[in-house]
Amino acid sequence: MVTREDIITRLTQLGYAPQESDYPQIDFELKQVCDYVLNYCNITEIPEIIDYRLIDRVCAKYLFNKKQSGTLEGFDYEIAIRKIKEGDTSIDYVVGSSEDTPENRFDSLVKALERGFDKWITPWRRLRW
């Protein structure tokens, strides 16, 4: 079973350190995603094998909703280095090119966290009679 602590750990890995005031929203997103899985699959218990995908989905929803509401503070949108090449040493620094803005990178992160979620839970779908 996925817990709030699992979500907090993953958000920290992604560069966002949740505060205690974030806990109600994290709990809400976790409950919403769990209810979605249970309803979509018509099951009463979520299989442990999809826990990591569920954690990523909750983090994606949480970060997206925080950004959309304008309350995402403390997230480091900047990435100092975009590319490192070892042979003949080449380092490219991100300087806000139009396609590589911090906001675009953030949106790509959220999409990557959500990608393939329904494919992961589909094998556990049961027919409703």
C-alpha atoms as a PDB file:
ATOM      1  CA  MET A   1       0.000   0.000   0.000  1.00  0.00           C
ATOM      2  CA  VAL A   2       1.348   3.398  -1.007  1.00  0.00           C
ATOM      3  CA  THR A   3       1.670   5.924   1.816  1.00  0.00           C
ATOM      4  CA  ARG A   4       2.125   9.665   2.063  1.00  0.00           C
ATOM      5  CA  GLU A   5       5.755   9.050   3.048  1.00  0.00           C
ATOM      6  CA  ASP A   6       6.324   7.224  -0.268  1.00  0.00           C
ATOM      7  CA  ILE A   7       4.986  10.247  -2.128  1.00  0.00           C
ATOM      8  CA  ILE A   8       7.094  12.668  -0.075  1.00  0.00           C
ATOM      9  CA  THR A   9      10.216  10.597  -0.717  1.00  0.00           C
ATOM     10  CA  ARG A  10       9.584  10.602  -4.477  1.00  0.00           C
ATOM     11  CA  LEU A  11       8.797  14.331  -4.569  1.00  0.00           C
ATOM     12  CA  THR A  12      12.065  14.982  -2.751  1.00  0.00           C
ATOM     13  CA  GLN A  13      13.903  12.887  -5.343  1.00  0.00           C
ATOM     14  CA  LEU A  14      12.290  15.010  -8.049  1.00  0.00           C
ATOM     15  CA  GLY A  15      13.513  18.264  -6.490  1.00  0.00           C
ATOM     16  CA  TYR A  16      10.535  19.365  -4.406  1.00  0.00           C
ATOM     17  CA  ALA A  17      10.593  19.212  -0.625  1.00  0.00           C
ATOM     18  CA  PRO A  18       6.975  19.103   0.621  1.00  0.00           C
ATOM     19  CA  GLN A  19       6.079  21.004   3.764  1.00  0.00           C
ATOM     20  CA  GLU A  20       3.592  19.864   6.370  1.00  0.00           C
ATOM     21  CA  SER A  21       1.032  22.238   4.840  1.00  0.00           C
ATOM     22  CA  ASP A  22       1.236  20.146   1.628  1.00  0.00           C
ATOM     23  CA  TYR A  23       0.116  16.932   3.344  1.00  0.00           C
ATOM     24  CA  PRO A  24      -3.653  17.410   2.889  1.00  0.00           C
ATOM     25  CA  GLN A  25      -3.234  17.915  -0.866  1.00  0.00           C
ATOM     26  CA  ILE A  26      -0.855  14.938  -1.117  1.00  0.00           C
ATOM     27  CA  ASP A  27      -3.389  12.797   0.760  1.00  0.00           C
ATOM     28  CA  PHE A  28      -6.157  14.008  -1.549  1.00  0.00           C
ATOM     29  CA  GLU A  29      -4.180  13.224  -4.719  1.00  0.00           C
ATOM     30  CA  LEU A  30      -3.222   9.805  -3.347  1.00  0.00           C
ATOM     31  CA  LYS A  31      -6.838   8.954  -2.495  1.00  0.00           C
ATOM     32  CA  GLN A  32      -8.040  10.200  -5.885  1.00  0.00           C
ATOM     33  CA  VAL A  33      -5.511   8.119  -7.851  1.00  0.00           C
ATOM     34  CA  CYS A  34      -6.155   5.022  -5.717  1.00  0.00           C
ATOM     35  CA  ASP A  35      -9.912   5.389  -6.225  1.00  0.00           C
ATOM     36  CA  TYR A  36      -9.331   5.760  -9.967  1.00  0.00           C
ATOM     37  CA  VAL A  37      -7.347   2.509 -10.079  1.00  0.00           C
ATOM     38  CA  LEU A  38      -9.900   0.605  -7.997  1.00  0.00           C
ATOM     39  CA  ASN A  39     -12.780   1.864 -10.115  1.00  0.00           C
ATOM     40  CA  TYR A  40     -11.035   1.500 -13.486  1.00  0.00           C
ATOM     41  CA  CYS A  41      -9.936  -2.057 -12.723  1.00  0.00           C
ATOM     42  CA  ASN A  42     -13.068  -3.042 -10.772  1.00  0.00           C
ATOM     43  CA  ILE A  43     -10.939  -4.456  -7.954  1.00  0.00           C
ATOM     44  CA  THR A  44     -10.966  -4.063  -4.184  1.00  0.00           C
ATOM     45  CA  GLU A  45      -7.214  -4.013  -3.573  1.00  0.00           C
ATOM     46  CA  ILE A  46      -4.414  -2.434  -5.582  1.00  0.00           C
ATOM     47  CA  PRO A  47      -1.700  -4.919  -6.643  1.00  0.00           C
ATOM     48  CA  GLU A  48       1.681  -4.153  -5.085  1.00  0.00           C
ATOM     49  CA  ILE A  49       3.432  -4.426  -8.440  1.00  0.00           C
ATOM     50  CA  ILE A  50       1.965  -1.099  -9.619  1.00  0.00           C
ATOM     51  CA  ASP A  51       2.889   0.848  -6.463  1.00  0.00           C
ATOM     52  CA  TYR A  52       5.799   2.661  -8.111  1.00  0.00           C
ATOM     53  CA  ARG A  53       3.704   3.729 -11.088  1.00  0.00           C
ATOM     54  CA  LEU A  54       0.997   4.865  -8.691  1.00  0.00           C
ATOM     55  CA  ILE A  55       3.546   6.950  -6.755  1.00  0.00           C
ATOM     56  CA  ASP A  56       4.719   8.623  -9.964  1.00  0.00           C
ATOM     57  CA  ARG A  57       1.120   9.331 -11.023  1.00  0.00           C
ATOM     58  CA  VAL A  58       0.317  10.946  -7.670  1.00  0.00           C
ATOM     59  CA  CYS A  59       3.487  13.048  -7.862  1.00  0.00           C
ATOM     60  CA  ALA A  60       2.624  14.145 -11.399  1.00  0.00           C
ATOM     61  CA  LYS A  61      -0.911  15.173 -10.412  1.00  0.00           C
ATOM     62  CA  TYR A  62       0.361  16.923  -7.292  1.00  0.00           C
ATOM     63  CA  LEU A  63       3.077  18.911  -9.092  1.00  0.00           C
ATOM     64  CA  PHE A  64       0.778  19.776 -12.006  1.00  0.00           C
ATOM     65  CA  ASN A  65      -2.001  21.011  -9.711  1.00  0.00           C
ATOM     66  CA  LYS A  66       0.451  23.023  -7.590  1.00  0.00           C
ATOM     67  CA  LYS A  67       1.870  24.649 -10.721  1.00  0.00           C
ATOM     68  CA  GLN A  68      -1.561  25.386 -12.221  1.00  0.00           C
ATOM     69  CA  SER A  69      -2.769  26.962  -8.992  1.00  0.00           C
ATOM     70  CA  GLY A  70       0.343  29.140  -8.745  1.00  0.00           C
ATOM     71  CA  THR A  71       1.348  27.666  -5.389  1.00  0.00           C
ATOM     72  CA  LEU A  72       4.381  25.626  -6.442  1.00  0.00           C
ATOM     73  CA  GLU A  73       7.161  27.225  -4.452  1.00  0.00           C
ATOM     74  CA  GLY A  74      10.542  25.753  -3.722  1.00  0.00           C
ATOM     75  CA  PHE A  75      10.784  23.674  -6.900  1.00  0.00           C
ATOM     76  CA  ASP A  76      14.063  24.176  -8.748  1.00  0.00           C
ATOM     77  CA  TYR A  77      13.041  24.597 -12.375  1.00  0.00           C
ATOM     78  CA  GLU A  78      16.601  25.226 -13.477  1.00  0.00           C
ATOM     79  CA  ILE A  79      18.992  22.542 -14.616  1.00  0.00           C
ATOM     80  CA  ALA A  80      22.550  23.803 -14.769  1.00  0.00           C
ATOM     81  CA  ILE A  81      23.887  21.409 -17.382  1.00  0.00           C
ATOM     82  CA  ARG A  82      21.994  20.036 -20.351  1.00  0.00           C
ATOM     83  CA  LYS A  83      24.681  17.902 -22.032  1.00  0.00           C
ATOM     84  CA  ILE A  84      28.112  16.538 -21.174  1.00  0.00           C
ATOM     85  CA  LYS A  85      30.361  14.917 -23.768  1.00  0.00           C
ATOM     86  CA  GLU A  86      33.448  13.151 -22.460  1.00  0.00           C
ATOM     87  CA  GLY A  87      35.560  12.796 -25.607  1.00  0.00           C
ATOM     88  CA  ASP A  88      37.227  16.210 -26.188  1.00  0.00           C
ATOM     89  CA  THR A  89      35.223  17.549 -23.219  1.00  0.00           C
ATOM     90  CA  SER A  90      32.089  19.433 -24.269  1.00  0.00           C
ATOM     91  CA  ILE A  91      29.653  20.852 -21.698  1.00  0.00           C
ATOM     92  CA  ASP A  92      26.472  22.719 -22.727  1.00  0.00           C
ATOM     93  CA  TYR A  93      24.826  24.984 -20.199  1.00  0.00           C
ATOM     94  CA  VAL A  94      21.108  25.628 -20.390  1.00  0.00           C
ATOM     95  CA  VAL A  95      20.557  29.293 -21.097  1.00  0.00           C
ATOM     96  CA  GLY A  96      16.807  29.321 -21.642  1.00  0.00           C
ATOM     97  CA  SER A  97      16.521  28.451 -25.302  1.00  0.00           C
ATOM     98  CA  SER A  98      12.880  28.589 -26.348  1.00  0.00           C
ATOM     99  CA  GLU A  99      12.345  24.830 -26.543  1.00  0.00           C
ATOM    100  CA  ASP A 100      14.333  24.134 -23.392  1.00  0.00           C
ATOM    101  CA  THR A 101      12.839  26.582 -20.923  1.00  0.00           C
ATOM    102  CA  PRO A 102      12.556  25.523 -17.289  1.00  0.00           C
ATOM    103  CA  GLU A 103       8.769  25.415 -17.599  1.00  0.00           C
ATOM    104  CA  ASN A 104       8.960  23.116 -20.628  1.00  0.00           C
ATOM    105  CA  ARG A 105      11.337  20.811 -18.772  1.00  0.00           C
ATOM    106  CA  PHE A 106       8.937  20.767 -15.824  1.00  0.00           C
ATOM    107  CA  ASP A 107       5.996  19.925 -18.098  1.00  0.00           C
ATOM    108  CA  SER A 108       8.054  17.140 -19.690  1.00  0.00           C
ATOM    109  CA  LEU A 109       8.825  15.755 -16.238  1.00  0.00           C
ATOM    110  CA  VAL A 110       5.128  15.677 -15.333  1.00  0.00           C
ATOM    111  CA  LYS A 111       4.261  13.969 -18.633  1.00  0.00           C
ATOM    112  CA  ALA A 112       7.002  11.389 -18.103  1.00  0.00           C
ATOM    113  CA  LEU A 113       5.667  10.602 -14.626  1.00  0.00           C
ATOM    114  CA  GLU A 114       2.170  10.042 -16.034  1.00  0.00           C
ATOM    115  CA  ARG A 115       3.198   8.201 -19.203  1.00  0.00           C
ATOM    116  CA  GLY A 116       1.873   4.678 -19.543  1.00  0.00           C
ATOM    117  CA  PHE A 117      -0.075   4.616 -16.271  1.00  0.00           C
ATOM    118  CA  ASP A 118      -3.242   3.117 -17.756  1.00  0.00           C
ATOM    119  CA  LYS A 119      -1.153   0.492 -19.574  1.00  0.00           C
ATOM    120  CA  TRP A 120       0.304  -0.593 -16.235  1.00  0.00           C
ATOM    121  CA  ILE A 121      -3.064  -0.984 -14.554  1.00  0.00           C
ATOM    122  CA  THR A 122      -5.011  -2.460 -17.484  1.00  0.00           C
ATOM    123  CA  PRO A 123      -3.873  -6.078 -16.879  1.00  0.00           C
ATOM    124  CA  TRP A 124      -5.726  -5.985 -13.546  1.00  0.00           C
ATOM    125  CA  ARG A 125      -9.063  -4.886 -15.041  1.00  0.00           C
ATOM    126  CA  ARG A 126     -12.034  -7.090 -14.261  1.00  0.00           C
ATOM    127  CA  LEU A 127     -15.352  -7.154 -16.060  1.00  0.00           C
ATOM    128  CA  ARG A 128     -18.376  -5.686 -14.359  1.00  0.00           C
ATOM    129  CA  TRP A 129     -21.515  -7.838 -14.410  1.00  0.00           C
END
